[in-house]
Amino acid sequence: MFFCAISGSPPTAPVVSKTSGTVYEKALIERYIEENGTDPISGEPLTKEDLVDVKAKPSTIPPRPANQTSIPALLTALQSEYDAIMLESLEIKKAFQSSRQELANALYREDAATRVIARLMKERDEARQALSSIQSTIGFQPPAATEAPAEDVEMAPEGALPAEVEAQIMETNQALSSGRRKRKPAPGYTKADDVKAFVQTSHVPSLHATKPAGIAALDLAKDGNVVVTGGADKAVQIFDLESSKVLGTLKGHTKAVTHVAFREQEGEPRFAISASADKTVRLWGEDGGKWSAKGTLSGHKGEISGLAVHPSGAYVAAGSNDSTWSLYDIAEAKEVVKYAAIPGVDGSFSYTSFAVHPDGVLHGGGTKDGAVRVWDARQSTSLAATLSSHSSDVTTLSFSENGYYLATASSAEPTVKIFDLRKLDILSSWTLPSENTISEVKFDPSAQFLSVVGTDLRVYANKTWDELLKFEENAGVLTGARFGKLGSQIVLSGMDRTLRVLGAKAE
C-alpha cells in the first residue's frame, strides 16, 4: 500500500519521483512542481518529466478512513450518500421536466407554424381568386401565361340575387364595361389648364334651417342646374341654380340627412334619394314640377352611412354601421337582398362609407377599422377583395369612371389614397396639412379629376395626381363637390349653409 508523501493518504494516481524515490499523488505533486519546481521532500529540482507512473491495480479500493470503522459512522456515511443520491435524483427529475416542457413548446410551435402556413396558403388562393374576379369585372386582361397546369373544376356557390335582378345587373355591366374601354371625355369637356383658373362665380347662402345649421350632403343633376342637398335640419331640398329657386323642401327624416343622390333614367321620372342617421332611406319623386315622398326603405338597425345608385338606375345600395348593406329596388321601394358580415372573416363590417363601381357588379364599403370591403353583388358569402386603407374609419370613397381606380380618405387623418383595382394595391397617396379635415373624395364623370373637400377644396389630375386647384374662400367645412356642364363648373356645399359655384372667370 502506498501513501502520498504530501497528503498522507493512499494515492488514486500514484507517481514516483526519480530524484528522491518518493511516492506522491500525481495531481498534488504536479501542482507543487508548477508552483515551486522542486521535490517537496529532498528540495532538489524536479520536473513533471521526472515523475514515473506507478501501475497500481485499478480495482484496489482504498482502506476506509478510521472514522468509518464503527456501525454508527457507517450509518451516517450511508445516510449522507443516500441524501446525495436523492438530491441528484431530484435534479434529474427537474432536468427531465424541463426537457419535456421544451419538447411540448417545440411541438406547439411546429403545429402553430403549420396552421399559419395553411392559413397563408388559403389567403393566397383567395387573393388570387379575388384579383382574377376584379380584373375580369373591370375588363383588365393580364398577360397570358405560356402554359397553365390543369385545375380541378369547382362548382360556383348559389348566387345572392334573384335571377332577373342578376340578369339586369350583368346586362348593365357588359354594356358599360365594353364601352368604357374606348370611352373618352365628351367633346368640349374642361381641360386641366381650365380648372387651374377656376374662381367662385356665384353662391347661394342661407339654405336649410339655422338650428342645426349646415348642408351635410350634395348631388348634382346631369343638366348641371338642379341640386339636391341634405341638411343637419333633417330636411332634403331641391334647388335650381339657374333660377335660384328652391323647388322643394322635403321632410320626413327624423334625424340629420347624411347622404343624397339623384336617380335619372331616360324615360322615367327623376328621383332624389336620401339617407339619414334615422336608419332609413327615403325616395322622393318629381311630378309636374312638384316633389313628394315616394317611399321609405328601412330594415337596418344602425345609421345609414353610405348611399350609391346603381348604374342601371333600377337599384340603390345603402351601407350601414350595423355591419350590413342592402340593395333596394327603386321602382318597387323594397329590399332585394341584404349582405351581412361573413363568418370567419377577420375585421369589421361596420360600414362608414359606401360606393358602387361604374360597371355595377362591384360594391365597396369603407369600414370603421380602416379597410374597404369589396363585394361582388352576385355573392353574399364571399368577398371579392379586402383593401387595407387607413388606420381609422374610411369615411369616404369613390370609384373612378373608368373603373380602374378607387380613392379613399378618413375624416380622422388628412390622407388620400388611390388604389389600382387591377393590382389591388395602393397606386398613390398624399397627405394634406395636419390642420385639414377631409369630408369627401369624388371623381368627376370624365375620370380626369379628383376633388377633395373638407377644410378647403382641392382638385387633382388623374394619373399624375398633381394639384390643379385650391379653393379656401368658404366660411365653413365643405361637405360635397360635383362637376357639372362638361366640367365647366364645380358646385360646392358646406356647413355654412351655402352653395358655391366655381368656374371660369367672366371676361
Protein backbone atom coordinates (compact mmCIF):
# COMPACT_ATOMS: atom_id res chain seq x y z
CA MET A 1 0.00 0.00 0.00
CA PHE A 2 1.35 3.42 -0.99
CA PHE A 3 0.87 6.67 0.85
CA CYS A 4 1.33 10.09 -0.64
CA ALA A 5 4.24 11.98 0.92
CA ILE A 6 2.22 15.21 0.75
CA SER A 7 -1.34 14.20 1.84
CA GLY A 8 -0.51 11.05 3.83
CA SER A 9 -3.42 9.25 2.11
CA PRO A 10 -3.34 6.37 -0.36
CA PRO A 11 -2.99 7.96 -3.80
CA THR A 12 -5.52 7.21 -6.52
CA ALA A 13 -2.93 8.00 -9.23
CA PRO A 14 0.47 7.27 -7.62
CA VAL A 15 3.71 8.53 -9.14
CA VAL A 16 7.35 8.16 -8.01
CA SER A 17 9.98 10.89 -8.09
CA LYS A 18 13.17 9.84 -9.96
CA THR A 19 15.27 12.12 -7.81
CA SER A 20 14.10 11.09 -4.33
CA GLY A 21 12.14 7.83 -4.95
CA THR A 22 9.19 9.26 -3.01
CA VAL A 23 5.55 8.35 -3.82
CA TYR A 24 3.12 11.19 -4.43
CA GLU A 25 -0.48 11.76 -5.54
CA LYS A 26 0.00 12.82 -9.18
CA ALA A 27 -2.35 15.83 -9.05
CA LEU A 28 -0.77 17.18 -5.87
CA ILE A 29 2.85 16.84 -6.94
CA GLU A 30 2.20 18.33 -10.37
CA ARG A 31 0.61 21.36 -8.77
CA TYR A 32 3.60 21.65 -6.37
CA ILE A 33 6.03 21.44 -9.27
CA GLU A 34 4.17 24.20 -11.16
CA GLU A 35 4.47 26.49 -8.13
CA ASN A 36 7.95 25.60 -6.81
CA GLY A 37 9.84 23.44 -9.36
CA THR A 38 11.47 21.30 -6.61
CA ASP A 39 10.92 18.00 -4.83
CA PRO A 40 8.98 18.74 -1.60
CA ILE A 41 10.96 16.12 0.36
CA SER A 42 14.54 16.49 -0.86
CA GLY A 43 14.35 20.05 -2.17
CA GLU A 44 16.11 19.06 -5.37
CA PRO A 45 14.95 20.45 -8.74
CA LEU A 46 12.06 18.38 -10.08
CA THR A 47 10.00 18.50 -13.31
CA LYS A 48 6.91 16.62 -14.48
CA GLU A 49 9.14 14.54 -16.75
CA ASP A 50 10.91 13.24 -13.61
CA LEU A 51 7.69 11.58 -12.37
CA VAL A 52 7.07 7.90 -13.10
CA ASP A 53 3.53 6.49 -13.04
CA VAL A 54 3.06 3.50 -10.73
CA LYS A 55 0.92 0.80 -12.35
CA ALA A 56 -1.31 0.10 -9.36
CA LYS A 57 -4.19 -2.36 -9.70
CA PRO A 58 -7.32 -0.28 -10.69
CA SER A 59 -9.72 -2.44 -8.72
CA THR A 60 -7.91 -1.89 -5.47
CA ILE A 61 -10.14 0.00 -3.09
CA PRO A 62 -8.50 2.42 -0.64
CA PRO A 63 -8.96 1.43 3.01
CA ARG A 64 -11.72 3.10 4.89
CA PRO A 65 -10.80 6.06 6.98
CA ALA A 66 -10.61 5.32 10.67
CA ASN A 67 -13.81 7.25 11.39
CA GLN A 68 -15.83 4.75 9.29
CA THR A 69 -14.91 1.58 11.20
CA SER A 70 -17.88 1.76 13.58
CA ILE A 71 -21.54 0.97 12.73
CA PRO A 72 -22.89 4.45 13.65
CA ALA A 73 -20.23 6.04 11.44
CA LEU A 74 -21.13 3.73 8.57
CA LEU A 75 -24.84 4.51 9.00
CA THR A 76 -24.04 8.23 8.93
CA ALA A 77 -21.96 7.78 5.79
CA LEU A 78 -24.69 5.71 4.12
CA GLN A 79 -27.31 8.33 5.07
CA SER A 80 -25.16 11.05 3.54
CA GLU A 81 -24.72 9.01 0.36
CA TYR A 82 -28.49 8.35 0.24
CA ASP A 83 -29.23 12.05 0.65
CA ALA A 84 -26.79 12.86 -2.13
CA ILE A 85 -28.43 10.27 -4.38
CA MET A 86 -31.88 11.71 -3.64
CA LEU A 87 -30.69 15.22 -4.40
CA GLU A 88 -29.14 14.01 -7.64
CA SER A 89 -32.41 12.21 -8.49
CA LEU A 90 -34.35 15.44 -7.86
CA GLU A 91 -32.05 17.34 -10.21
CA ILE A 92 -32.51 14.63 -12.85
CA LYS A 93 -36.31 14.90 -12.48
CA LYS A 94 -36.11 18.66 -12.86
CA ALA A 95 -33.99 18.32 -15.98
CA PHE A 96 -36.46 15.76 -17.33
CA GLN A 97 -39.44 18.05 -16.71
CA SER A 98 -37.60 20.96 -18.34
CA SER A 99 -36.78 18.85 -21.40
CA ARG A 100 -40.38 17.65 -21.54
CA GLN A 101 -41.65 21.25 -21.42
CA GLU A 102 -39.22 22.32 -24.15
CA LEU A 103 -40.39 19.43 -26.30
CA ALA A 104 -44.04 20.38 -25.76
CA ASN A 105 -43.29 24.01 -26.68
CA ALA A 106 -41.44 22.89 -29.80
CA LEU A 107 -44.36 20.69 -30.84
CA TYR A 108 -46.82 23.57 -30.20
CA ARG A 109 -44.72 25.98 -32.26
CA GLU A 110 -44.49 23.43 -35.06
CA ASP A 111 -48.27 22.95 -35.01
CA ALA A 112 -48.86 26.74 -34.94
CA ALA A 113 -46.44 27.24 -37.82
CA THR A 114 -48.27 24.57 -39.82
CA ARG A 115 -51.59 26.31 -39.18
CA VAL A 116 -50.15 29.71 -40.18
CA ILE A 117 -48.75 28.26 -43.39
CA ALA A 118 -52.12 26.67 -44.17
CA ARG A 119 -53.92 29.97 -43.50
CA LEU A 120 -51.45 31.93 -45.65
CA MET A 121 -51.88 29.47 -48.48
CA LYS A 122 -55.66 29.82 -48.19
CA GLU A 123 -55.40 33.64 -48.17
CA ARG A 124 -53.06 33.48 -51.16
CA ASP A 125 -55.56 31.39 -53.10
CA GLU A 126 -58.42 33.72 -52.08
CA ALA A 127 -56.38 36.77 -53.12
CA ARG A 128 -55.63 35.22 -56.48
CA GLN A 129 -59.30 34.43 -56.98
CA ALA A 130 -60.30 37.96 -55.89
CA LEU A 131 -57.77 39.55 -58.23
CA SER A 132 -58.99 37.41 -61.10
CA SER A 133 -62.61 38.30 -60.30
CA ILE A 134 -61.94 42.05 -60.16
CA GLN A 135 -59.77 42.01 -63.28
CA SER A 136 -62.49 40.26 -65.24
CA THR A 137 -65.13 42.63 -63.85
CA ILE A 138 -63.29 45.83 -64.77
CA GLY A 139 -62.21 44.44 -68.13
CA PHE A 140 -58.48 44.11 -67.39
CA GLN A 141 -56.79 41.14 -69.03
CA PRO A 142 -53.42 40.13 -67.53
CA PRO A 143 -50.73 38.74 -69.85
CA ALA A 144 -51.47 35.14 -70.75
CA ALA A 145 -49.22 32.52 -69.22
CA THR A 146 -47.30 30.22 -71.56
CA GLU A 147 -48.86 27.14 -70.07
CA ALA A 148 -51.11 26.72 -67.06
CA PRO A 149 -51.49 23.45 -65.15
CA ALA A 150 -54.88 21.83 -65.16
CA GLU A 151 -57.01 22.53 -62.11
CA ASP A 152 -59.99 20.86 -60.58
CA VAL A 153 -63.34 22.30 -61.57
CA GLU A 154 -65.23 23.82 -58.63
CA MET A 155 -68.95 24.38 -58.53
CA ALA A 156 -69.84 28.06 -58.11
CA PRO A 157 -71.88 28.86 -54.98
CA GLU A 158 -75.51 29.78 -55.33
CA GLY A 159 -75.98 33.44 -56.23
CA ALA A 160 -77.30 36.02 -53.80
CA LEU A 161 -79.53 37.85 -56.27
CA PRO A 162 -82.84 36.85 -57.82
CA ALA A 163 -82.29 35.66 -61.39
CA GLU A 164 -83.98 38.66 -63.03
CA VAL A 165 -82.02 41.15 -60.90
CA GLU A 166 -78.72 39.43 -61.62
CA ALA A 167 -79.54 39.36 -65.33
CA GLN A 168 -80.20 43.11 -65.35
CA ILE A 169 -77.02 43.87 -63.41
CA MET A 170 -74.90 41.71 -65.72
CA GLU A 171 -76.51 43.24 -68.81
CA THR A 172 -75.63 46.69 -67.48
CA ASN A 173 -72.12 45.51 -66.61
CA GLN A 174 -71.43 44.12 -70.06
CA ALA A 175 -72.79 47.20 -71.83
CA LEU A 176 -70.84 49.66 -69.70
CA SER A 177 -67.58 47.72 -69.40
CA SER A 178 -67.30 47.11 -73.15
CA GLY A 179 -67.95 50.78 -73.89
CA ARG A 180 -65.73 52.10 -71.12
CA ARG A 181 -62.54 50.69 -72.63
CA LYS A 182 -62.96 53.01 -75.61
CA ARG A 183 -64.59 55.85 -73.73
CA LYS A 184 -63.01 59.27 -73.89
CA PRO A 185 -64.07 62.55 -72.28
CA ALA A 186 -67.04 64.12 -74.02
CA PRO A 187 -66.19 66.66 -76.72
CA GLY A 188 -65.72 70.08 -75.18
CA TYR A 189 -65.04 68.72 -71.69
CA THR A 190 -62.98 71.03 -69.50
CA LYS A 191 -59.21 70.56 -69.57
CA ALA A 192 -56.81 70.62 -66.65
CA ASP A 193 -55.47 74.05 -67.56
CA ASP A 194 -59.01 75.45 -67.44
CA VAL A 195 -59.61 74.02 -63.95
CA LYS A 196 -56.48 75.73 -62.65
CA ALA A 197 -58.11 79.11 -63.37
CA PHE A 198 -61.49 78.40 -61.72
CA VAL A 199 -62.84 81.05 -59.34
CA GLN A 200 -66.12 81.45 -57.48
CA THR A 201 -68.71 82.72 -59.92
CA SER A 202 -71.80 82.63 -57.69
CA HIS A 203 -73.09 81.46 -54.34
CA VAL A 204 -76.42 80.71 -52.70
CA PRO A 205 -76.46 81.42 -48.93
CA SER A 206 -78.93 80.53 -46.20
CA LEU A 207 -80.15 77.14 -47.38
CA HIS A 208 -81.75 74.86 -44.79
CA ALA A 209 -82.58 75.87 -41.24
CA THR A 210 -80.23 77.65 -38.88
CA LYS A 211 -80.64 75.22 -35.98
CA PRO A 212 -78.98 72.88 -36.50
CA ALA A 213 -77.22 74.52 -39.42
CA GLY A 214 -75.31 73.04 -42.30
CA ILE A 215 -75.56 71.22 -45.62
CA ALA A 216 -74.28 67.72 -44.94
CA ALA A 217 -74.77 66.14 -48.39
CA LEU A 218 -74.91 67.19 -52.06
CA ASP A 219 -75.62 65.82 -55.51
CA LEU A 220 -75.96 67.49 -58.91
CA ALA A 221 -78.32 66.50 -61.71
CA LYS A 222 -76.96 65.68 -65.15
CA ASP A 223 -78.18 69.02 -66.54
CA GLY A 224 -75.89 70.86 -64.09
CA ASN A 225 -78.73 73.12 -62.93
CA VAL A 226 -80.63 71.21 -60.25
CA VAL A 227 -79.03 70.16 -56.97
CA VAL A 228 -80.30 68.08 -54.09
CA THR A 229 -78.99 68.78 -50.60
CA GLY A 230 -79.35 67.06 -47.26
CA GLY A 231 -79.22 69.11 -44.11
CA ALA A 232 -78.48 68.74 -40.45
CA ASP A 233 -82.05 70.08 -40.02
CA LYS A 234 -83.44 66.65 -41.18
CA ALA A 235 -84.71 68.14 -44.47
CA VAL A 236 -83.96 67.48 -48.13
CA GLN A 237 -84.00 70.45 -50.52
CA ILE A 238 -84.19 70.57 -54.30
CA PHE A 239 -82.67 73.78 -55.68
CA ASP A 240 -82.47 75.19 -59.21
CA LEU A 241 -79.19 77.04 -59.70
CA GLU A 242 -80.28 78.68 -62.94
CA SER A 243 -83.42 80.29 -61.50
CA SER A 244 -82.00 80.45 -57.96
CA LYS A 245 -85.18 78.91 -56.54
CA VAL A 246 -85.95 76.18 -54.04
CA LEU A 247 -88.05 73.65 -55.95
CA GLY A 248 -88.94 71.64 -52.91
CA THR A 249 -88.24 71.20 -49.21
CA LEU A 250 -88.86 67.55 -48.38
CA LYS A 251 -89.42 66.50 -44.80
CA GLY A 252 -89.80 63.07 -43.29
CA HIS A 253 -86.47 62.10 -41.80
CA THR A 254 -86.28 62.27 -38.02
CA LYS A 255 -82.52 62.83 -37.84
CA ALA A 256 -79.85 64.58 -39.90
CA VAL A 257 -79.70 63.71 -43.59
CA THR A 258 -76.20 62.39 -44.31
CA HIS A 259 -76.30 61.31 -47.99
CA VAL A 260 -78.30 62.30 -51.08
CA ALA A 261 -78.27 61.22 -54.73
CA PHE A 262 -80.22 61.72 -57.93
CA ARG A 263 -81.59 58.80 -59.91
CA GLU A 264 -82.03 59.90 -63.52
CA GLN A 265 -83.22 57.30 -66.01
CA GLU A 266 -84.22 58.03 -69.60
CA GLY A 267 -87.96 57.74 -69.99
CA GLU A 268 -88.60 57.72 -66.25
CA PRO A 269 -89.27 60.49 -63.72
CA ARG A 270 -86.36 61.92 -61.79
CA PHE A 271 -85.88 60.62 -58.24
CA ALA A 272 -83.97 62.11 -55.33
CA ILE A 273 -82.81 59.57 -52.76
CA SER A 274 -81.76 60.48 -49.23
CA ALA A 275 -80.21 58.56 -46.34
CA SER A 276 -80.24 59.56 -42.71
CA ALA A 277 -78.97 58.83 -39.26
CA ASP A 278 -82.54 57.69 -38.54
CA LYS A 279 -81.63 54.32 -40.18
CA THR A 280 -83.84 54.86 -43.25
CA VAL A 281 -83.54 55.65 -46.95
CA ARG A 282 -86.27 57.77 -48.50
CA LEU A 283 -87.36 58.15 -52.11
CA TRP A 284 -88.62 61.47 -53.47
CA GLY A 285 -90.16 61.89 -56.90
CA GLU A 286 -90.96 64.76 -59.23
CA ASP A 287 -94.46 65.02 -60.74
CA GLY A 288 -95.25 68.07 -62.85
CA GLY A 289 -92.54 70.11 -61.25
CA LYS A 290 -93.58 69.20 -57.72
CA TRP A 291 -91.64 66.93 -55.43
CA SER A 292 -93.20 64.45 -52.99
CA ALA A 293 -92.40 61.32 -50.99
CA LYS A 294 -92.44 58.07 -52.99
CA GLY A 295 -91.35 55.53 -50.44
CA THR A 296 -89.32 54.66 -47.36
CA LEU A 297 -86.69 51.92 -47.34
CA SER A 298 -85.97 50.51 -43.90
CA GLY A 299 -84.62 47.35 -42.31
CA HIS A 300 -81.32 48.50 -40.87
CA LYS A 301 -80.57 48.57 -37.16
CA GLY A 302 -77.88 51.25 -37.43
CA GLU A 303 -77.35 54.59 -39.13
CA ILE A 304 -77.12 54.65 -42.92
CA SER A 305 -73.50 55.58 -43.60
CA GLY A 306 -73.35 55.36 -47.39
CA LEU A 307 -75.59 55.58 -50.45
CA ALA A 308 -74.91 54.56 -54.06
CA VAL A 309 -77.29 54.49 -57.05
CA HIS A 310 -76.68 51.52 -59.36
CA PRO A 311 -75.63 52.43 -62.93
CA SER A 312 -78.75 50.68 -64.26
CA GLY A 313 -80.85 53.24 -62.41
CA ALA A 314 -83.08 50.45 -61.11
CA TYR A 315 -81.44 49.91 -57.74
CA VAL A 316 -79.81 51.78 -54.90
CA ALA A 317 -77.35 50.37 -52.37
CA ALA A 318 -77.10 51.54 -48.77
CA GLY A 319 -74.39 50.69 -46.24
CA SER A 320 -74.98 50.82 -42.50
CA ASN A 321 -72.90 50.77 -39.36
CA ASP A 322 -74.89 47.68 -38.26
CA SER A 323 -72.40 45.62 -40.37
CA THR A 324 -74.81 45.08 -43.28
CA TRP A 325 -75.56 46.65 -46.63
CA SER A 326 -78.69 46.34 -48.74
CA LEU A 327 -79.65 46.53 -52.39
CA TYR A 328 -83.09 48.11 -52.91
CA ASP A 329 -85.42 48.13 -55.91
CA ILE A 330 -86.29 51.80 -56.53
CA ALA A 331 -89.46 51.22 -58.55
CA GLU A 332 -90.97 48.83 -56.01
CA ALA A 333 -89.44 50.56 -52.95
CA LYS A 334 -88.38 47.28 -51.39
CA GLU A 335 -85.25 45.45 -50.36
CA VAL A 336 -83.89 42.96 -52.89
CA VAL A 337 -81.14 41.42 -50.77
CA LYS A 338 -79.16 42.19 -47.63
CA TYR A 339 -75.46 41.37 -47.32
CA ALA A 340 -74.30 40.58 -43.78
CA ALA A 341 -70.85 40.14 -42.23
CA ILE A 342 -69.19 36.91 -43.36
CA PRO A 343 -68.44 34.46 -40.50
CA GLY A 344 -64.76 33.65 -40.12
CA VAL A 345 -63.53 36.80 -41.90
CA ASP A 346 -61.40 38.94 -39.60
CA GLY A 347 -62.02 42.66 -39.25
CA SER A 348 -65.01 44.94 -39.11
CA PHE A 349 -68.03 45.03 -41.41
CA SER A 350 -69.43 48.17 -39.79
CA TYR A 351 -69.64 50.49 -42.77
CA THR A 352 -68.72 54.17 -42.60
CA SER A 353 -68.98 54.86 -46.35
CA PHE A 354 -70.26 53.11 -49.46
CA ALA A 355 -69.95 53.30 -53.27
CA VAL A 356 -70.73 51.28 -56.39
CA HIS A 357 -68.32 50.51 -59.22
CA PRO A 358 -69.31 52.24 -62.51
CA ASP A 359 -69.95 48.86 -64.14
CA GLY A 360 -72.42 47.86 -61.45
CA VAL A 361 -71.18 44.48 -60.20
CA LEU A 362 -68.65 45.50 -57.56
CA HIS A 363 -69.68 47.46 -54.46
CA GLY A 364 -67.24 48.90 -51.95
CA GLY A 365 -67.80 49.70 -48.29
CA GLY A 366 -65.32 51.54 -46.08
CA THR A 367 -65.29 50.22 -42.51
CA LYS A 368 -64.56 51.63 -39.10
CA ASP A 369 -61.25 49.74 -38.83
CA GLY A 370 -59.80 51.35 -41.97
CA ALA A 371 -60.42 48.59 -44.52
CA VAL A 372 -62.51 48.58 -47.69
CA ARG A 373 -64.70 45.54 -48.27
CA VAL A 374 -65.21 44.95 -51.98
CA TRP A 375 -68.27 42.81 -52.81
CA ASP A 376 -69.39 41.11 -55.97
CA ALA A 377 -73.14 41.69 -55.77
CA ARG A 378 -73.76 38.19 -57.07
CA GLN A 379 -72.22 36.62 -53.98
CA SER A 380 -73.23 37.10 -50.35
CA THR A 381 -70.96 34.50 -48.74
CA SER A 382 -67.58 35.70 -50.00
CA LEU A 383 -65.75 38.96 -50.69
CA ALA A 384 -64.20 39.99 -53.97
CA ALA A 385 -61.37 41.66 -52.05
CA THR A 386 -60.41 43.45 -48.83
CA LEU A 387 -58.19 46.53 -49.19
CA SER A 388 -56.24 47.81 -46.19
CA SER A 389 -56.62 51.55 -46.48
CA HIS A 390 -56.34 53.70 -43.35
CA SER A 391 -55.61 53.33 -39.64
CA SER A 392 -59.04 54.74 -38.77
CA ASP A 393 -62.54 54.60 -40.26
CA VAL A 394 -62.84 55.12 -44.03
CA THR A 395 -65.45 57.88 -44.17
CA THR A 396 -65.45 58.50 -47.93
CA LEU A 397 -64.55 56.57 -51.08
CA SER A 398 -65.11 56.95 -54.81
CA PHE A 399 -64.61 54.73 -57.87
CA SER A 400 -63.24 56.43 -60.97
CA GLU A 401 -65.49 56.48 -64.02
CA ASN A 402 -63.04 54.31 -65.99
CA GLY A 403 -63.33 51.70 -63.26
CA TYR A 404 -59.59 51.33 -62.65
CA TYR A 405 -59.10 53.42 -59.51
CA LEU A 406 -60.59 53.75 -56.04
CA ALA A 407 -59.96 56.85 -53.91
CA THR A 408 -60.34 56.66 -50.12
CA ALA A 409 -59.97 59.05 -47.18
CA SER A 410 -60.76 59.31 -43.49
CA SER A 411 -62.10 62.24 -41.52
CA ALA A 412 -59.65 61.33 -38.75
CA GLU A 413 -56.50 61.84 -40.86
CA PRO A 414 -55.78 64.20 -43.79
CA THR A 415 -54.51 61.48 -46.14
CA VAL A 416 -55.87 60.49 -49.56
CA LYS A 417 -55.07 57.07 -51.01
CA ILE A 418 -55.58 55.81 -54.56
CA PHE A 419 -55.92 52.07 -55.23
CA ASP A 420 -55.30 50.45 -58.60
CA LEU A 421 -58.06 47.83 -58.79
CA ARG A 422 -56.18 45.92 -61.48
CA LYS A 423 -53.43 45.17 -58.96
CA LEU A 424 -55.36 45.52 -55.69
CA ASP A 425 -52.57 47.76 -54.43
CA ILE A 426 -52.05 51.41 -53.47
CA LEU A 427 -51.05 53.36 -56.55
CA SER A 428 -50.53 56.75 -54.88
CA SER A 429 -51.16 58.59 -51.62
CA TRP A 430 -50.58 62.05 -50.25
CA THR A 431 -51.17 63.91 -47.01
CA LEU A 432 -52.72 67.35 -46.64
CA PRO A 433 -51.65 69.82 -43.94
CA SER A 434 -52.31 68.50 -40.43
CA GLU A 435 -54.96 71.14 -39.74
CA ASN A 436 -57.06 69.91 -42.68
CA THR A 437 -60.01 67.55 -42.43
CA ILE A 438 -61.48 65.57 -45.33
CA SER A 439 -65.24 65.24 -45.78
CA GLU A 440 -65.41 63.71 -49.26
CA VAL A 441 -63.34 62.45 -52.18
CA LYS A 442 -65.08 62.29 -55.57
CA PHE A 443 -64.01 61.52 -59.14
CA ASP A 444 -65.61 63.63 -61.86
CA PRO A 445 -67.74 62.00 -64.62
CA SER A 446 -64.84 62.04 -67.09
CA ALA A 447 -62.38 60.35 -64.69
CA GLN A 448 -59.93 63.21 -65.35
CA PHE A 449 -60.19 64.93 -61.98
CA LEU A 450 -60.48 64.06 -58.29
CA SER A 451 -62.00 66.57 -55.89
CA VAL A 452 -61.16 66.51 -52.18
CA VAL A 453 -63.27 68.69 -49.89
CA GLY A 454 -63.20 69.43 -46.19
CA THR A 455 -61.34 72.35 -44.74
CA ASP A 456 -60.98 73.55 -48.34
CA LEU A 457 -61.40 72.29 -51.91
CA ARG A 458 -58.53 70.73 -53.80
CA VAL A 459 -58.74 69.30 -57.31
CA TYR A 460 -56.16 66.80 -58.56
CA ALA A 461 -55.38 65.49 -62.04
CA ASN A 462 -55.99 61.79 -62.58
CA LYS A 463 -52.87 59.62 -63.07
CA THR A 464 -50.35 62.34 -62.18
CA TRP A 465 -52.27 63.40 -59.05
CA ASP A 466 -50.91 66.92 -59.39
CA GLU A 467 -52.86 69.59 -57.53
CA LEU A 468 -54.68 71.74 -60.08
CA LEU A 469 -56.87 73.94 -57.91
CA LYS A 470 -57.14 75.04 -54.30
CA PHE A 471 -60.19 76.98 -53.10
CA GLU A 472 -60.40 78.19 -49.49
CA GLU A 473 -62.86 81.09 -49.53
CA ASN A 474 -65.52 79.04 -47.77
CA ALA A 475 -66.73 80.07 -44.31
CA GLY A 476 -67.40 76.54 -43.06
CA VAL A 477 -66.30 72.98 -43.67
CA LEU A 478 -67.11 71.84 -47.21
CA THR A 479 -69.13 68.62 -47.45
CA GLY A 480 -69.51 67.93 -51.17
CA ALA A 481 -68.27 68.80 -54.66
CA ARG A 482 -69.74 67.94 -58.06
CA PHE A 483 -68.53 68.71 -61.58
CA GLY A 484 -71.27 69.81 -63.97
CA LYS A 485 -71.87 71.09 -67.50
CA LEU A 486 -68.98 69.17 -69.08
CA GLY A 487 -66.71 70.06 -66.18
CA SER A 488 -67.07 73.80 -66.71
CA GLN A 489 -68.38 74.30 -63.16
CA ILE A 490 -67.89 72.84 -59.71
CA VAL A 491 -70.75 73.05 -57.22
CA LEU A 492 -69.78 73.02 -53.54
CA SER A 493 -71.83 72.55 -50.38
CA GLY A 494 -70.77 73.43 -46.86
CA MET A 495 -71.71 73.57 -43.23
CA ASP A 496 -72.06 77.35 -43.63
CA ARG A 497 -75.44 76.64 -45.34
CA THR A 498 -74.06 77.90 -48.66
CA LEU A 499 -73.88 76.51 -52.18
CA ARG A 500 -70.93 77.84 -54.18
CA VAL A 501 -70.35 77.57 -57.91
CA LEU A 502 -66.83 77.69 -59.30
CA GLY A 503 -65.99 78.20 -62.97
CA ALA A 504 -64.04 80.23 -65.42
CA LYS A 505 -63.63 83.89 -64.55
CA ALA A 506 -66.01 86.12 -66.51
CA GLU A 507 -64.29 88.23 -69.13
